[in-house]
Amino acid sequence: MLRFLIILGIIEGLSTLALVFVAMPLKYFYELPEVVTLMGSIHGFLFILYLHTLFATIYLIELPKKVIFWGTLAALLPFGPFVLDRWLLRPVKENRFTN
């Protein structure tokens, strides 16, 4: 479950970057607002899925409760999921969690 959260964090983080650095410039410089509509919908779905998976992972493998705060904050910041994933990757590398 933790591995899935990390992979989903990478995907969600990439969707944020695509929205901000690809879709938004296309909207404002090339007058293509439909790109933001599409990318925004994809990012919104991934954002909700990421938060749901974060809370489920915290519950299932009993991560420290501070992960709720940092995980939610990370989901709101453009590079946040990458930072959180790096912190979450330590237990995976050490094989401390089996879920």
C-alpha atoms as a PDB file:
ATOM      1  CA  MET A   1       0.000   0.000   0.000  1.00  0.00           C
ATOM      2  CA  LEU A   2       2.870   2.338   0.794  1.00  0.00           C
ATOM      3  CA  ARG A   3       4.438   1.672  -2.594  1.00  0.00           C
ATOM      4  CA  PHE A   4       1.139   2.504  -4.293  1.00  0.00           C
ATOM      5  CA  LEU A   5       0.957   5.764  -2.334  1.00  0.00           C
ATOM      6  CA  ILE A   6       4.466   6.691  -3.441  1.00  0.00           C
ATOM      7  CA  ILE A   7       3.731   5.926  -7.101  1.00  0.00           C
ATOM      8  CA  LEU A   8       0.444   7.815  -6.900  1.00  0.00           C
ATOM      9  CA  GLY A   9       2.273  10.746  -5.294  1.00  0.00           C
ATOM     10  CA  ILE A  10       4.629  10.909  -8.258  1.00  0.00           C
ATOM     11  CA  ILE A  11       1.744  10.793 -10.728  1.00  0.00           C
ATOM     12  CA  GLU A  12      -0.246  13.421  -8.809  1.00  0.00           C
ATOM     13  CA  GLY A  13       2.817  15.651  -8.540  1.00  0.00           C
ATOM     14  CA  LEU A  14       3.436  15.362 -12.275  1.00  0.00           C
ATOM     15  CA  SER A  15      -0.193  16.243 -12.979  1.00  0.00           C
ATOM     16  CA  THR A  16       0.202  19.390 -10.875  1.00  0.00           C
ATOM     17  CA  LEU A  17       3.312  20.387 -12.772  1.00  0.00           C
ATOM     18  CA  ALA A  18       1.618  19.663 -16.114  1.00  0.00           C
ATOM     19  CA  LEU A  19      -1.343  21.802 -15.105  1.00  0.00           C
ATOM     20  CA  VAL A  20       0.793  24.735 -13.974  1.00  0.00           C
ATOM     21  CA  PHE A  21       3.625  24.629 -16.513  1.00  0.00           C
ATOM     22  CA  VAL A  22       1.921  23.209 -19.624  1.00  0.00           C
ATOM     23  CA  ALA A  23      -1.846  23.707 -19.510  1.00  0.00           C
ATOM     24  CA  MET A  24      -1.866  27.200 -18.017  1.00  0.00           C
ATOM     25  CA  PRO A  25       0.613  28.641 -20.546  1.00  0.00           C
ATOM     26  CA  LEU A  26      -1.367  27.018 -23.365  1.00  0.00           C
ATOM     27  CA  LYS A  27      -4.505  28.683 -22.050  1.00  0.00           C
ATOM     28  CA  TYR A  28      -3.064  32.164 -21.702  1.00  0.00           C
ATOM     29  CA  PHE A  29      -0.531  32.312 -24.544  1.00  0.00           C
ATOM     30  CA  TYR A  30      -2.324  30.225 -27.195  1.00  0.00           C
ATOM     31  CA  GLU A  31      -5.946  30.727 -26.105  1.00  0.00           C
ATOM     32  CA  LEU A  32      -6.618  27.031 -25.502  1.00  0.00           C
ATOM     33  CA  PRO A  33      -8.768  26.974 -22.342  1.00  0.00           C
ATOM     34  CA  GLU A  34      -9.964  23.430 -23.014  1.00  0.00           C
ATOM     35  CA  VAL A  35      -6.485  22.125 -22.135  1.00  0.00           C
ATOM     36  CA  VAL A  36      -6.861  23.513 -18.597  1.00  0.00           C
ATOM     37  CA  THR A  37     -10.352  22.047 -18.349  1.00  0.00           C
ATOM     38  CA  LEU A  38      -9.090  18.585 -19.298  1.00  0.00           C
ATOM     39  CA  MET A  39      -5.872  18.712 -17.275  1.00  0.00           C
ATOM     40  CA  GLY A  40      -7.660  20.276 -14.316  1.00  0.00           C
ATOM     41  CA  SER A  41     -10.193  17.451 -14.276  1.00  0.00           C
ATOM     42  CA  ILE A  42      -7.465  14.813 -14.430  1.00  0.00           C
ATOM     43  CA  HIS A  43      -5.476  16.557 -11.709  1.00  0.00           C
ATOM     44  CA  GLY A  44      -8.572  16.940  -9.514  1.00  0.00           C
ATOM     45  CA  PHE A  45      -9.317  13.233  -9.744  1.00  0.00           C
ATOM     46  CA  LEU A  46      -5.703  12.338  -8.945  1.00  0.00           C
ATOM     47  CA  PHE A  47      -5.649  14.812  -6.046  1.00  0.00           C
ATOM     48  CA  ILE A  48      -8.729  13.249  -4.426  1.00  0.00           C
ATOM     49  CA  LEU A  49      -7.395   9.735  -5.081  1.00  0.00           C
ATOM     50  CA  TYR A  50      -4.039  10.704  -3.543  1.00  0.00           C
ATOM     51  CA  LEU A  51      -5.639  12.085  -0.373  1.00  0.00           C
ATOM     52  CA  HIS A  52      -7.904   9.047  -0.069  1.00  0.00           C
ATOM     53  CA  THR A  53      -4.948   6.707  -0.512  1.00  0.00           C
ATOM     54  CA  LEU A  54      -2.898   8.732   1.979  1.00  0.00           C
ATOM     55  CA  PHE A  55      -5.552   8.401   4.687  1.00  0.00           C
ATOM     56  CA  ALA A  56      -6.118   4.717   3.911  1.00  0.00           C
ATOM     57  CA  THR A  57      -2.377   4.031   4.079  1.00  0.00           C
ATOM     58  CA  ILE A  58      -2.011   5.874   7.386  1.00  0.00           C
ATOM     59  CA  TYR A  59      -4.859   3.803   8.797  1.00  0.00           C
ATOM     60  CA  LEU A  60      -3.744   0.425   7.393  1.00  0.00           C
ATOM     61  CA  ILE A  61      -0.056   0.485   8.229  1.00  0.00           C
ATOM     62  CA  GLU A  62      -0.280   2.799  11.218  1.00  0.00           C
ATOM     63  CA  LEU A  63       2.039   5.548  10.092  1.00  0.00           C
ATOM     64  CA  PRO A  64       2.624   8.390  12.555  1.00  0.00           C
ATOM     65  CA  LYS A  65      -0.328  10.783  12.732  1.00  0.00           C
ATOM     66  CA  LYS A  66       1.893  13.706  11.718  1.00  0.00           C
ATOM     67  CA  VAL A  67       1.887  12.162   8.231  1.00  0.00           C
ATOM     68  CA  ILE A  68      -1.741  13.308   7.913  1.00  0.00           C
ATOM     69  CA  PHE A  69      -0.652  16.931   8.256  1.00  0.00           C
ATOM     70  CA  TRP A  70       2.470  16.662   6.087  1.00  0.00           C
ATOM     71  CA  GLY A  71       0.722  14.527   3.470  1.00  0.00           C
ATOM     72  CA  THR A  72      -2.164  16.954   3.111  1.00  0.00           C
ATOM     73  CA  LEU A  73       0.225  19.900   2.933  1.00  0.00           C
ATOM     74  CA  ALA A  74       2.347  18.053   0.374  1.00  0.00           C
ATOM     75  CA  ALA A  75      -0.718  17.440  -1.794  1.00  0.00           C
ATOM     76  CA  LEU A  76      -1.394  21.189  -1.898  1.00  0.00           C
ATOM     77  CA  LEU A  77       2.120  22.263  -2.928  1.00  0.00           C
ATOM     78  CA  PRO A  78       3.463  21.800  -6.477  1.00  0.00           C
ATOM     79  CA  PHE A  79       6.564  19.790  -5.474  1.00  0.00           C
ATOM     80  CA  GLY A  80       5.138  18.533  -2.185  1.00  0.00           C
ATOM     81  CA  PRO A  81       4.351  14.937  -3.178  1.00  0.00           C
ATOM     82  CA  PHE A  82       7.936  14.437  -4.342  1.00  0.00           C
ATOM     83  CA  VAL A  83       9.282  15.569  -0.963  1.00  0.00           C
ATOM     84  CA  LEU A  84       6.810  13.403   0.960  1.00  0.00           C
ATOM     85  CA  ASP A  85       7.517  10.408  -1.271  1.00  0.00           C
ATOM     86  CA  ARG A  86      11.207  10.696  -0.507  1.00  0.00           C
ATOM     87  CA  TRP A  87      10.437  10.595   3.216  1.00  0.00           C
ATOM     88  CA  LEU A  88       8.019   7.665   2.783  1.00  0.00           C
ATOM     89  CA  LEU A  89      10.503   5.733   0.672  1.00  0.00           C
ATOM     90  CA  ARG A  90      12.844   5.156   3.628  1.00  0.00           C
ATOM     91  CA  PRO A  91      10.653   2.477   5.299  1.00  0.00           C
ATOM     92  CA  VAL A  92      10.132   0.793   1.925  1.00  0.00           C
ATOM     93  CA  LYS A  93      13.891   0.576   1.302  1.00  0.00           C
ATOM     94  CA  GLU A  94      14.420  -0.784   4.813  1.00  0.00           C
ATOM     95  CA  ASN A  95      11.555  -3.312   4.342  1.00  0.00           C
ATOM     96  CA  ARG A  96       9.909  -2.138   7.555  1.00  0.00           C
ATOM     97  CA  PHE A  97       6.407  -2.354   6.125  1.00  0.00           C
ATOM     98  CA  THR A  98       4.929  -5.380   4.431  1.00  0.00           C
ATOM     99  CA  ASN A  99       1.589  -3.864   3.283  1.00  0.00           C
END
